[in-house]
Amino acid sequence: MKIKAMTLQEAETFLKDGEHPFSAATIRRAIMDGKLRANLVRTAAPYYTVIEDDLLEWASDPDMHKTVHKTD
């Protein structure tokens, strides 16, 4: 079984036509919040990659991407 890793832009495109479309910014926020596992590829222009199975698991779990509203 081959593990498919993809960049955040590829992940956004992958999810766009599915049941759970999310933007690259939302995916990045989930990575930064520790809700989605990712690998940081250290190059001159660093970027994250995510594994397809982890991405699908995160996208299908509504508890992992609840909207938080600030109150005054």
N, C-alpha and C. Protein backbone atom coordinates (compact mmCIF):
# COMPACT_ATOMS: atom_id res chain seq x y z
N MET A 1 0.84 -1.17 0.00
CA MET A 1 0.00 0.00 0.00
C MET A 1 0.89 1.24 0.00
N LYS A 2 0.69 2.10 -0.96
CA LYS A 2 1.47 3.33 -1.06
C LYS A 2 0.75 4.45 -0.32
N ILE A 3 1.50 5.19 0.49
CA ILE A 3 0.95 6.33 1.22
C ILE A 3 1.08 7.55 0.33
N LYS A 4 -0.04 8.24 0.10
CA LYS A 4 -0.03 9.42 -0.76
C LYS A 4 0.10 10.67 0.09
N ALA A 5 1.21 11.39 -0.11
CA ALA A 5 1.42 12.67 0.56
C ALA A 5 1.14 13.78 -0.45
N MET A 6 0.57 14.88 0.04
CA MET A 6 0.24 15.99 -0.86
C MET A 6 0.48 17.32 -0.16
N THR A 7 0.72 18.34 -0.96
CA THR A 7 0.88 19.69 -0.42
C THR A 7 -0.49 20.22 0.00
N LEU A 8 -0.51 21.37 0.65
CA LEU A 8 -1.79 21.94 1.09
C LEU A 8 -2.65 22.34 -0.11
N GLN A 9 -2.04 22.84 -1.17
CA GLN A 9 -2.81 23.19 -2.37
C GLN A 9 -3.40 21.93 -3.01
N GLU A 10 -2.62 20.87 -3.07
CA GLU A 10 -3.13 19.60 -3.60
C GLU A 10 -4.24 19.06 -2.71
N ALA A 11 -4.10 19.21 -1.40
CA ALA A 11 -5.13 18.76 -0.47
C ALA A 11 -6.43 19.53 -0.67
N GLU A 12 -6.31 20.85 -0.87
CA GLU A 12 -7.50 21.68 -1.12
C GLU A 12 -8.21 21.21 -2.39
N THR A 13 -7.46 20.97 -3.45
CA THR A 13 -8.04 20.49 -4.71
C THR A 13 -8.66 19.11 -4.53
N PHE A 14 -7.99 18.24 -3.79
CA PHE A 14 -8.48 16.89 -3.54
C PHE A 14 -9.83 16.92 -2.82
N LEU A 15 -9.98 17.82 -1.84
CA LEU A 15 -11.22 17.90 -1.06
C LEU A 15 -12.31 18.71 -1.74
N LYS A 16 -11.96 19.52 -2.73
CA LYS A 16 -12.90 20.47 -3.34
C LYS A 16 -14.16 19.80 -3.87
N ASP A 17 -14.03 18.68 -4.52
CA ASP A 17 -15.18 18.02 -5.14
C ASP A 17 -15.82 16.97 -4.25
N GLY A 18 -15.31 16.80 -3.05
CA GLY A 18 -15.85 15.79 -2.14
C GLY A 18 -16.92 16.34 -1.23
N GLU A 19 -17.23 15.56 -0.20
CA GLU A 19 -18.25 15.94 0.77
C GLU A 19 -17.78 17.06 1.69
N HIS A 20 -16.48 17.18 1.87
CA HIS A 20 -15.94 18.10 2.87
C HIS A 20 -14.90 19.03 2.25
N PRO A 21 -15.33 20.07 1.51
CA PRO A 21 -14.35 20.99 0.92
C PRO A 21 -13.80 21.96 1.97
N PHE A 22 -12.49 22.11 2.02
CA PHE A 22 -11.83 23.05 2.92
C PHE A 22 -10.74 23.77 2.15
N SER A 23 -10.49 25.02 2.51
CA SER A 23 -9.45 25.80 1.86
C SER A 23 -8.08 25.40 2.41
N ALA A 24 -7.04 25.77 1.67
CA ALA A 24 -5.67 25.51 2.13
C ALA A 24 -5.41 26.23 3.45
N ALA A 25 -5.99 27.42 3.63
CA ALA A 25 -5.81 28.18 4.88
C ALA A 25 -6.42 27.43 6.07
N THR A 26 -7.57 26.82 5.87
CA THR A 26 -8.22 26.05 6.94
C THR A 26 -7.39 24.81 7.27
N ILE A 27 -6.87 24.17 6.25
CA ILE A 27 -6.03 22.99 6.45
C ILE A 27 -4.76 23.38 7.21
N ARG A 28 -4.14 24.50 6.82
CA ARG A 28 -2.94 24.99 7.51
C ARG A 28 -3.25 25.30 8.98
N ARG A 29 -4.38 25.93 9.24
CA ARG A 29 -4.77 26.25 10.62
C ARG A 29 -4.93 24.96 11.44
N ALA A 30 -5.50 23.92 10.85
CA ALA A 30 -5.65 22.64 11.55
C ALA A 30 -4.28 22.04 11.88
N ILE A 31 -3.33 22.20 10.97
CA ILE A 31 -1.97 21.71 11.23
C ILE A 31 -1.35 22.49 12.39
N MET A 32 -1.47 23.81 12.35
CA MET A 32 -0.89 24.66 13.39
C MET A 32 -1.54 24.41 14.75
N ASP A 33 -2.83 24.07 14.75
CA ASP A 33 -3.55 23.78 16.00
C ASP A 33 -3.31 22.36 16.50
N GLY A 34 -2.57 21.55 15.73
CA GLY A 34 -2.28 20.18 16.12
C GLY A 34 -3.42 19.21 15.88
N LYS A 35 -4.38 19.59 15.06
CA LYS A 35 -5.54 18.73 14.79
C LYS A 35 -5.33 17.85 13.57
N LEU A 36 -4.35 18.18 12.75
CA LEU A 36 -4.05 17.42 11.54
C LEU A 36 -2.54 17.20 11.47
N ARG A 37 -2.14 15.94 11.36
CA ARG A 37 -0.71 15.63 11.27
C ARG A 37 -0.18 16.05 9.91
N ALA A 38 1.03 16.58 9.91
CA ALA A 38 1.67 17.01 8.68
C ALA A 38 3.18 16.93 8.84
N ASN A 39 3.86 16.91 7.71
CA ASN A 39 5.32 16.93 7.70
C ASN A 39 5.78 18.24 7.10
N LEU A 40 6.72 18.88 7.75
CA LEU A 40 7.31 20.11 7.23
C LEU A 40 8.49 19.73 6.36
N VAL A 41 8.42 20.12 5.09
CA VAL A 41 9.51 19.87 4.15
C VAL A 41 10.38 21.11 4.17
N ARG A 42 11.61 20.94 4.64
CA ARG A 42 12.52 22.08 4.80
C ARG A 42 13.33 22.29 3.53
N THR A 43 12.93 23.29 2.78
CA THR A 43 13.63 23.70 1.57
C THR A 43 13.80 25.21 1.64
N ALA A 44 14.29 25.81 0.55
CA ALA A 44 14.41 27.27 0.52
C ALA A 44 13.05 27.92 0.76
N ALA A 45 11.99 27.28 0.28
CA ALA A 45 10.62 27.73 0.54
C ALA A 45 9.90 26.57 1.23
N PRO A 46 9.95 26.49 2.57
CA PRO A 46 9.37 25.35 3.29
C PRO A 46 7.87 25.22 3.06
N TYR A 47 7.39 23.99 3.09
CA TYR A 47 5.97 23.72 2.90
C TYR A 47 5.60 22.46 3.66
N TYR A 48 4.30 22.30 3.90
CA TYR A 48 3.79 21.13 4.60
C TYR A 48 3.23 20.12 3.61
N THR A 49 3.33 18.85 3.98
CA THR A 49 2.63 17.80 3.26
C THR A 49 1.75 17.06 4.26
N VAL A 50 0.62 16.57 3.78
CA VAL A 50 -0.29 15.79 4.60
C VAL A 50 -0.53 14.45 3.92
N ILE A 51 -0.86 13.46 4.71
CA ILE A 51 -1.16 12.12 4.19
C ILE A 51 -2.65 12.06 3.89
N GLU A 52 -2.99 11.46 2.76
CA GLU A 52 -4.38 11.39 2.31
C GLU A 52 -5.31 10.83 3.37
N ASP A 53 -4.93 9.73 4.00
CA ASP A 53 -5.80 9.10 5.01
C ASP A 53 -6.03 10.03 6.21
N ASP A 54 -4.96 10.71 6.66
CA ASP A 54 -5.10 11.65 7.78
C ASP A 54 -6.00 12.82 7.39
N LEU A 55 -5.84 13.31 6.17
CA LEU A 55 -6.65 14.42 5.68
C LEU A 55 -8.12 14.05 5.64
N LEU A 56 -8.43 12.88 5.11
CA LEU A 56 -9.82 12.44 5.03
C LEU A 56 -10.43 12.22 6.41
N GLU A 57 -9.64 11.67 7.32
CA GLU A 57 -10.13 11.46 8.68
C GLU A 57 -10.43 12.80 9.35
N TRP A 58 -9.53 13.77 9.21
CA TRP A 58 -9.75 15.10 9.78
C TRP A 58 -10.98 15.76 9.16
N ALA A 59 -11.10 15.71 7.83
CA ALA A 59 -12.19 16.39 7.13
C ALA A 59 -13.55 15.80 7.48
N SER A 60 -13.61 14.51 7.76
CA SER A 60 -14.90 13.88 8.03
C SER A 60 -15.32 13.99 9.50
N ASP A 61 -14.46 14.51 10.36
CA ASP A 61 -14.77 14.63 11.79
C ASP A 61 -15.12 16.07 12.13
N PRO A 62 -16.42 16.40 12.30
CA PRO A 62 -16.82 17.78 12.56
C PRO A 62 -16.22 18.36 13.85
N ASP A 63 -15.88 17.53 14.82
CA ASP A 63 -15.28 18.03 16.05
C ASP A 63 -13.87 18.59 15.82
N MET A 64 -13.23 18.19 14.73
CA MET A 64 -11.87 18.63 14.46
C MET A 64 -11.81 20.01 13.81
N HIS A 65 -12.92 20.51 13.31
CA HIS A 65 -12.89 21.82 12.64
C HIS A 65 -14.13 22.64 12.98
N LYS A 66 -14.45 22.69 14.27
CA LYS A 66 -15.56 23.53 14.72
C LYS A 66 -15.18 25.00 14.58
N THR A 67 -16.16 25.82 14.26
CA THR A 67 -15.95 27.25 14.19
C THR A 67 -16.07 27.83 15.60
N VAL A 68 -15.09 28.60 15.99
CA VAL A 68 -15.09 29.22 17.31
C VAL A 68 -15.39 30.70 17.13
N HIS A 69 -16.43 31.17 17.80
CA HIS A 69 -16.82 32.58 17.72
C HIS A 69 -16.35 33.30 18.98
N LYS A 70 -15.71 34.44 18.79
CA LYS A 70 -15.27 35.25 19.93
C LYS A 70 -16.44 36.07 20.44
N THR A 71 -16.50 36.22 21.74
CA THR A 71 -17.52 37.08 22.34
C THR A 71 -16.83 38.19 23.11
N ASP A 72 -17.45 39.33 23.14
CA ASP A 72 -16.86 40.47 23.85
C ASP A 72 -17.17 40.43 25.32
